[in-house]
Amino acid sequence: MRAIVFDQYKSTPVLKEVDRPAPGPGEVLLKVAGAGACHSDVAVYRDFDESFGPPQLRPSFVLGHESSGWVEELGPGVEGFTVGDAFLVYGPIGCGHCRACSRGQDTYCENAATMPYLAAGLGRDGGMAEYLAVPARNLVPLGQADPVAAAPLADAGLTPYHAIKKSLPVLAGGGRSALVIGLGGLGQVAVQILRALTGATVIATDQKPEALAQAEGYGAVTVPGGPDQAGAVRELTGGRGVDAVFDFVGVDPTLALAMSVVALQGRVTIVGIGNGSYAWNFYGVPYEVELTSTYWGTIEELHEVADLYRAGKVTPQVELFGLDDGLEAYRRLEAGELNGRAVVIPHGH
């Protein structure tokens, strides 16, 4: 079968022929419906090398850690699945028996250091291929919902959902506000999730006018990037500041913006892995402000994200690419030329 493979460090992935996987005990083989291209993939093949990055992500493996598909074949011991049914794939794969994995939070597996991979598409072959084998436990049913558009929900939906759910205590009540910094694939979904889960005023900011217009369509009040950005955000909150800030970029300027507009006893969550830094000062930040980070989410939360998708509350904006054009999808992702999430569809749509 054909697949997009991370073949060597500091190099563009390649489209090549690989063996079709066979589902092992407890696994299911999926005919891939869609696989989202993510900036984390770019970090793996552009930034990592032998001395930098998790050892589980050494080449080579098939990319694609946000995937969906139809059941093609059941491995030994697997029951309760019907061939042809559509599922979303929970990407993280932990040891399965530690405390974190027992609560469905494989992202924080206590034995991650001894695991040979981190997730399907991150160390283990992922969904940028015609077929994908995954543990049956990692499948989240989609019912009659379109699995192609659902593919990005496995990361671009789950990651903001987890971050927002952790911040719900500061968003409970009237008169609350949230700020989304960075309106790429995750940021646009975050606006929709905030609107679905809270009554907060959702403020969104980005440099791209088209991204701002899209967020406005989801019900956000937008602020363009520029020298008056922080002042405009504060003005929208009556000078009080924002209760919950979600930074989907994570570079120095966005961290500084987040900390400059957060309200007293507010919460700032860094979601984007931009590797930025912030110099904290006791007198420079309102009292009792929380500055935290999150990574991906739990399988239970992915079930909840799928519920929102089936209910029409969250709809990722996608640009579709055939497998032959998958490398172009990554090129456009790196160049910042995408308006939605790039989804590779190996079998057409």
Protein backbone atom coordinates (compact mmCIF):
# COMPACT_ATOMS: atom_id res chain seq x y z
CA MET A 1 0.00 0.00 0.00
CA ARG A 2 1.06 3.63 -0.35
CA ALA A 3 1.92 5.76 2.66
CA ILE A 4 3.54 9.08 3.60
CA VAL A 5 6.58 8.16 5.65
CA PHE A 6 8.91 10.10 7.95
CA ASP A 7 12.06 8.49 6.58
CA GLN A 8 14.92 10.57 7.97
CA TYR A 9 15.60 13.58 10.19
CA LYS A 10 15.68 17.13 8.79
CA SER A 11 14.02 15.98 5.59
CA THR A 12 10.65 16.17 3.87
CA PRO A 13 8.56 12.99 4.23
CA VAL A 14 8.26 10.65 1.27
CA LEU A 15 5.38 8.90 -0.46
CA LYS A 16 6.32 5.25 -0.86
CA GLU A 17 5.08 1.68 -0.96
CA VAL A 18 4.97 -0.10 2.40
CA ASP A 19 3.48 -3.37 3.60
CA ARG A 20 -0.20 -3.31 4.42
CA PRO A 21 -0.50 -3.85 8.19
CA ALA A 22 -2.17 -6.92 9.65
CA PRO A 23 -4.18 -6.38 12.84
CA GLY A 24 -2.60 -8.13 15.82
CA PRO A 25 -4.39 -9.46 18.90
CA GLY A 26 -6.79 -6.84 20.24
CA GLU A 27 -6.37 -4.65 17.15
CA VAL A 28 -8.59 -3.50 14.29
CA LEU A 29 -7.56 -2.75 10.73
CA LEU A 30 -9.12 0.44 9.37
CA LYS A 31 -9.52 1.51 5.78
CA VAL A 32 -8.41 5.11 6.28
CA ALA A 33 -11.08 7.72 5.58
CA GLY A 34 -8.97 10.77 6.43
CA ALA A 35 -5.74 11.79 8.12
CA GLY A 36 -5.01 15.35 9.23
CA ALA A 37 -1.66 17.05 8.67
CA CYS A 38 -0.45 18.72 11.87
CA HIS A 39 2.35 21.12 12.80
CA SER A 40 3.57 18.45 15.23
CA ASP A 41 4.43 16.33 12.19
CA VAL A 42 6.51 19.20 10.84
CA ALA A 43 8.38 19.45 14.15
CA VAL A 44 9.16 15.73 13.95
CA TYR A 45 10.71 15.81 10.48
CA ARG A 46 12.15 19.34 10.53
CA ASP A 47 13.30 20.00 14.10
CA PHE A 48 14.17 16.66 15.69
CA ASP A 49 17.41 14.75 15.33
CA GLU A 50 19.38 12.09 17.20
CA SER A 51 20.13 14.49 20.04
CA PHE A 52 16.82 16.37 20.24
CA GLY A 53 13.31 14.97 20.53
CA PRO A 54 11.75 11.88 22.10
CA PRO A 55 13.65 8.68 21.27
CA GLN A 56 10.33 7.01 20.41
CA LEU A 57 10.04 9.28 17.38
CA ARG A 58 13.13 8.09 15.55
CA PRO A 59 12.50 7.34 11.85
CA SER A 60 11.04 5.66 10.09
CA PHE A 61 7.27 5.42 10.47
CA VAL A 62 4.05 6.43 8.69
CA LEU A 63 2.85 9.89 9.72
CA GLY A 64 -0.72 10.82 10.64
CA HIS A 65 -1.77 11.03 14.30
CA GLU A 66 -5.29 12.34 13.71
CA SER A 67 -7.14 9.72 11.72
CA SER A 68 -10.49 8.17 10.99
CA GLY A 69 -11.60 5.17 9.00
CA TRP A 70 -13.93 2.26 8.37
CA VAL A 71 -13.47 -1.15 9.96
CA GLU A 72 -11.85 -3.47 7.41
CA GLU A 73 -10.72 -6.45 9.48
CA LEU A 74 -10.72 -7.61 13.11
CA GLY A 75 -7.63 -8.96 14.81
CA PRO A 76 -7.61 -12.06 17.03
CA GLY A 77 -9.81 -11.75 20.08
CA VAL A 78 -11.68 -8.63 18.89
CA GLU A 79 -15.47 -8.64 19.00
CA GLY A 80 -18.23 -6.04 18.93
CA PHE A 81 -17.22 -4.25 15.72
CA THR A 82 -18.92 -4.42 12.34
CA VAL A 83 -16.97 -4.21 9.10
CA GLY A 84 -17.74 -0.90 7.38
CA ASP A 85 -18.57 1.09 10.51
CA ALA A 86 -16.82 4.46 10.89
CA PHE A 87 -14.57 5.36 13.79
CA LEU A 88 -12.30 8.13 14.98
CA VAL A 89 -8.88 7.03 16.25
CA TYR A 90 -7.60 8.07 19.66
CA GLY A 91 -3.94 8.45 18.71
CA PRO A 92 -2.01 8.15 22.01
CA ILE A 93 -1.02 4.61 22.97
CA GLY A 94 0.36 4.10 26.46
CA CYS A 95 1.25 0.98 28.40
CA GLY A 96 -2.43 0.35 29.17
CA HIS A 97 -1.98 -0.54 32.82
CA CYS A 98 -0.59 2.47 34.72
CA ARG A 99 -2.80 4.93 36.59
CA ALA A 100 -2.86 7.45 33.74
CA CYS A 101 -3.73 4.86 31.09
CA SER A 102 -6.40 3.33 33.34
CA ARG A 103 -8.27 6.64 33.23
CA GLY A 104 -7.83 6.93 29.45
CA GLN A 105 -5.05 9.51 29.62
CA ASP A 106 -2.41 7.70 27.58
CA THR A 107 -0.77 11.06 26.85
CA TYR A 108 0.64 11.03 30.39
CA CYS A 109 1.49 7.31 30.55
CA GLU A 110 3.76 6.71 33.54
CA ASN A 111 5.74 4.17 31.52
CA ALA A 112 6.11 6.31 28.38
CA ALA A 113 9.90 6.14 28.62
CA THR A 114 9.80 2.37 28.12
CA MET A 115 7.24 2.43 25.29
CA PRO A 116 8.51 1.94 21.72
CA TYR A 117 6.20 4.71 20.43
CA LEU A 118 3.97 7.52 21.70
CA ALA A 119 0.96 7.28 19.40
CA ALA A 120 -0.33 6.05 16.08
CA GLY A 121 1.51 8.43 13.77
CA LEU A 122 4.09 9.35 16.42
CA GLY A 123 6.58 6.51 16.49
CA ARG A 124 4.04 3.88 15.41
CA ASP A 125 2.63 3.79 11.87
CA GLY A 126 -0.21 6.28 11.53
CA GLY A 127 -3.02 7.20 9.21
CA MET A 128 -1.25 8.80 6.23
CA ALA A 129 -1.74 5.52 4.41
CA GLU A 130 -4.40 3.40 2.81
CA TYR A 131 -4.80 1.23 5.91
CA LEU A 132 -4.09 1.60 9.63
CA ALA A 133 -3.96 -0.96 12.45
CA VAL A 134 -4.83 0.31 15.95
CA PRO A 135 -5.89 -1.14 19.31
CA ALA A 136 -9.65 -1.70 19.41
CA ARG A 137 -9.75 0.30 22.67
CA ASN A 138 -8.65 3.41 20.75
CA LEU A 139 -11.67 3.54 18.46
CA VAL A 140 -14.39 6.13 19.04
CA PRO A 141 -17.64 5.52 17.10
CA LEU A 142 -18.85 8.14 14.64
CA GLY A 143 -22.17 6.57 13.72
CA GLN A 144 -23.53 8.10 10.52
CA ALA A 145 -21.37 11.24 10.75
CA ASP A 146 -18.85 11.93 7.98
CA PRO A 147 -15.53 10.36 9.03
CA VAL A 148 -13.47 12.41 6.56
CA ALA A 149 -14.23 15.81 8.11
CA ALA A 150 -14.03 14.21 11.56
CA ALA A 151 -10.38 13.16 11.22
CA PRO A 152 -8.86 16.39 12.64
CA LEU A 153 -10.99 16.04 15.76
CA ALA A 154 -8.56 13.38 17.00
CA ASP A 155 -6.05 16.16 17.74
CA ALA A 156 -7.27 19.56 16.52
CA GLY A 157 -10.54 18.90 18.34
CA LEU A 158 -9.38 16.91 21.36
CA THR A 159 -6.46 19.18 22.27
CA PRO A 160 -8.49 22.41 22.62
CA TYR A 161 -11.36 20.48 24.22
CA HIS A 162 -9.09 19.18 26.97
CA ALA A 163 -7.59 22.63 27.57
CA ILE A 164 -11.02 24.29 27.69
CA LYS A 165 -12.54 21.65 29.94
CA LYS A 166 -9.69 22.13 32.44
CA SER A 167 -10.48 25.88 32.44
CA LEU A 168 -14.26 25.64 32.88
CA PRO A 169 -14.17 26.64 36.60
CA VAL A 170 -12.94 30.16 35.72
CA LEU A 171 -15.52 30.44 32.92
CA ALA A 172 -18.53 29.44 35.03
CA GLY A 173 -20.94 32.28 35.69
CA GLY A 174 -22.14 35.41 33.99
CA GLY A 175 -19.91 38.12 32.62
CA ARG A 176 -16.98 35.79 31.86
CA SER A 177 -14.71 36.01 28.84
CA ALA A 178 -12.24 33.80 26.97
CA LEU A 179 -9.50 34.72 24.52
CA VAL A 180 -8.27 32.47 21.70
CA ILE A 181 -4.85 33.46 20.37
CA GLY A 182 -4.08 31.93 16.97
CA LEU A 183 -6.87 30.90 14.63
CA GLY A 184 -5.40 27.94 12.80
CA GLY A 185 -7.01 24.51 12.85
CA LEU A 186 -7.04 24.21 16.65
CA GLY A 187 -8.00 27.81 17.33
CA GLN A 188 -11.05 27.72 15.08
CA VAL A 189 -12.29 24.55 16.75
CA ALA A 190 -11.59 26.12 20.16
CA VAL A 191 -13.94 29.01 19.35
CA GLN A 192 -16.70 26.51 18.53
CA ILE A 193 -16.07 24.46 21.68
CA LEU A 194 -16.12 27.56 23.89
CA ARG A 195 -19.42 28.60 22.35
CA ALA A 196 -20.85 25.11 22.88
CA LEU A 197 -19.69 24.61 26.49
CA THR A 198 -19.81 28.08 28.03
CA GLY A 199 -21.76 31.33 28.09
CA ALA A 200 -18.54 33.34 28.00
CA THR A 201 -17.86 36.10 25.51
CA VAL A 202 -15.33 34.56 23.12
CA ILE A 203 -12.64 36.93 21.85
CA ALA A 204 -10.30 35.73 19.10
CA THR A 205 -7.18 37.24 17.60
CA ASP A 206 -4.93 36.47 14.64
CA GLN A 207 -2.89 38.21 11.97
CA LYS A 208 -4.95 36.87 9.04
CA PRO A 209 -8.17 38.72 8.10
CA GLU A 210 -9.68 35.55 6.62
CA ALA A 211 -9.07 33.67 9.88
CA LEU A 212 -10.74 36.47 11.85
CA ALA A 213 -13.75 36.40 9.51
CA GLN A 214 -14.09 32.66 9.98
CA ALA A 215 -13.99 32.99 13.77
CA GLU A 216 -16.64 35.72 13.60
CA GLY A 217 -18.82 33.24 11.73
CA TYR A 218 -18.58 30.97 14.77
CA GLY A 219 -19.69 33.76 17.08
CA ALA A 220 -16.39 35.24 18.25
CA VAL A 221 -15.61 38.92 18.73
CA THR A 222 -12.32 39.47 16.92
CA VAL A 223 -9.27 41.65 17.42
CA PRO A 224 -6.65 41.92 14.66
CA GLY A 225 -2.96 41.64 15.47
CA GLY A 226 -1.03 44.87 15.87
CA PRO A 227 0.31 47.35 18.42
CA ASP A 228 -3.15 48.00 19.94
CA GLN A 229 -3.98 44.31 20.33
CA ALA A 230 -3.78 44.09 24.13
CA GLY A 231 -5.61 47.37 24.63
CA ALA A 232 -8.42 46.29 22.32
CA VAL A 233 -8.83 43.01 24.19
CA ARG A 234 -8.95 44.77 27.56
CA GLU A 235 -11.47 47.28 26.23
CA LEU A 236 -13.79 44.42 25.24
CA THR A 237 -13.73 43.22 28.86
CA GLY A 238 -14.37 46.69 30.29
CA GLY A 239 -10.78 46.83 31.47
CA ARG A 240 -11.20 43.80 33.73
CA GLY A 241 -9.15 41.39 31.62
CA VAL A 242 -9.87 37.93 30.29
CA ASP A 243 -10.82 35.06 32.59
CA ALA A 244 -9.34 32.27 30.45
CA VAL A 245 -6.73 32.72 27.73
CA PHE A 246 -5.81 29.94 25.30
CA ASP A 247 -2.59 30.47 23.35
CA PHE A 248 -2.50 28.19 20.31
CA VAL A 249 0.82 29.62 19.09
CA GLY A 250 3.15 29.60 22.09
CA VAL A 251 5.88 32.02 20.98
CA ASP A 252 7.31 34.92 22.99
CA PRO A 253 4.92 37.64 21.68
CA THR A 254 1.78 35.53 22.17
CA LEU A 255 2.83 34.52 25.68
CA ALA A 256 3.40 38.18 26.49
CA LEU A 257 0.00 39.10 25.06
CA ALA A 258 -1.74 36.38 27.07
CA MET A 259 -0.17 37.49 30.34
CA SER A 260 -0.87 41.16 29.63
CA VAL A 261 -4.63 40.69 29.24
CA VAL A 262 -5.47 37.98 31.79
CA ALA A 263 -7.78 38.99 34.62
CA LEU A 264 -7.25 38.74 38.36
CA GLN A 265 -7.47 35.03 39.32
CA GLY A 266 -7.59 34.14 35.63
CA ARG A 267 -6.01 31.22 33.82
CA VAL A 268 -3.62 31.16 30.85
CA THR A 269 -3.21 27.86 29.01
CA ILE A 270 -0.38 27.41 26.53
CA VAL A 271 -1.45 24.90 23.90
CA GLY A 272 0.77 25.83 20.95
CA ILE A 273 4.23 24.28 21.02
CA GLY A 274 6.06 27.40 19.82
CA ASN A 275 8.76 26.96 22.49
CA GLY A 276 8.41 30.57 23.65
CA SER A 277 9.49 31.92 27.04
CA TYR A 278 7.95 34.28 29.56
CA ALA A 279 9.80 36.08 32.37
CA TRP A 280 7.37 36.05 35.31
CA ASN A 281 7.43 38.92 37.78
CA PHE A 282 5.33 39.19 40.95
CA TYR A 283 4.35 42.79 40.22
CA GLY A 284 3.80 42.24 36.51
CA VAL A 285 0.89 39.81 36.69
CA PRO A 286 -2.51 40.06 38.46
CA TYR A 287 -2.78 38.06 41.68
CA GLU A 288 -3.52 34.32 41.59
CA VAL A 289 -3.16 33.99 37.83
CA GLU A 290 -2.51 30.42 36.70
CA LEU A 291 -0.07 29.81 33.84
CA THR A 292 -0.23 26.23 32.64
CA SER A 293 0.13 23.96 29.63
CA THR A 294 -1.77 20.96 28.33
CA TYR A 295 -1.07 18.14 25.91
CA TRP A 296 -3.72 16.33 23.86
CA GLY A 297 -6.48 14.76 26.03
CA THR A 298 -8.18 11.59 27.22
CA ILE A 299 -10.06 9.00 25.22
CA GLU A 300 -13.19 9.79 27.25
CA GLU A 301 -12.91 13.42 26.11
CA LEU A 302 -12.58 12.30 22.49
CA HIS A 303 -15.92 10.50 22.89
CA GLU A 304 -17.35 13.83 24.08
CA VAL A 305 -15.80 15.68 21.13
CA ALA A 306 -17.40 13.14 18.79
CA ASP A 307 -20.73 13.81 20.52
CA LEU A 308 -20.38 17.53 19.76
CA TYR A 309 -19.49 16.73 16.14
CA ARG A 310 -22.52 14.48 15.66
CA ALA A 311 -24.72 17.18 17.21
CA GLY A 312 -23.39 19.78 14.74
CA LYS A 313 -21.82 21.89 17.51
CA VAL A 314 -18.27 21.50 16.18
CA THR A 315 -17.39 21.29 12.50
CA PRO A 316 -13.74 21.41 11.45
CA GLN A 317 -12.99 23.34 8.28
CA VAL A 318 -10.94 21.02 6.08
CA GLU A 319 -9.07 21.14 2.78
CA LEU A 320 -8.96 17.72 1.16
CA PHE A 321 -5.93 16.19 -0.56
CA GLY A 322 -5.50 12.83 -2.22
CA LEU A 323 -2.64 10.66 -1.06
CA ASP A 324 -0.69 11.61 -4.20
CA ASP A 325 -0.96 15.26 -3.12
CA GLY A 326 -0.20 14.62 0.54
CA LEU A 327 3.30 16.08 0.35
CA GLU A 328 1.81 19.25 -1.12
CA ALA A 329 -0.49 19.41 1.90
CA TYR A 330 2.56 19.42 4.18
CA ARG A 331 4.28 22.03 2.01
CA ARG A 332 1.28 24.34 2.25
CA LEU A 333 1.05 23.69 6.00
CA GLU A 334 4.67 24.76 6.47
CA ALA A 335 4.17 27.80 4.23
CA GLY A 336 1.09 28.96 6.15
CA GLU A 337 -1.07 28.71 3.04
CA LEU A 338 -3.94 26.68 4.51
CA ASN A 339 -7.22 28.19 5.67
CA GLY A 340 -8.47 24.95 7.21
CA ARG A 341 -7.03 21.65 8.36
CA ALA A 342 -5.38 19.67 5.58
CA VAL A 343 -6.90 16.19 5.45
CA VAL A 344 -5.44 13.46 3.25
CA ILE A 345 -8.04 11.04 1.87
CA PRO A 346 -6.30 7.91 0.56
CA HIS A 347 -9.40 6.39 -1.04
CA GLY A 348 -11.16 9.50 -2.37
CA HIS A 349 -14.43 10.97 -1.05
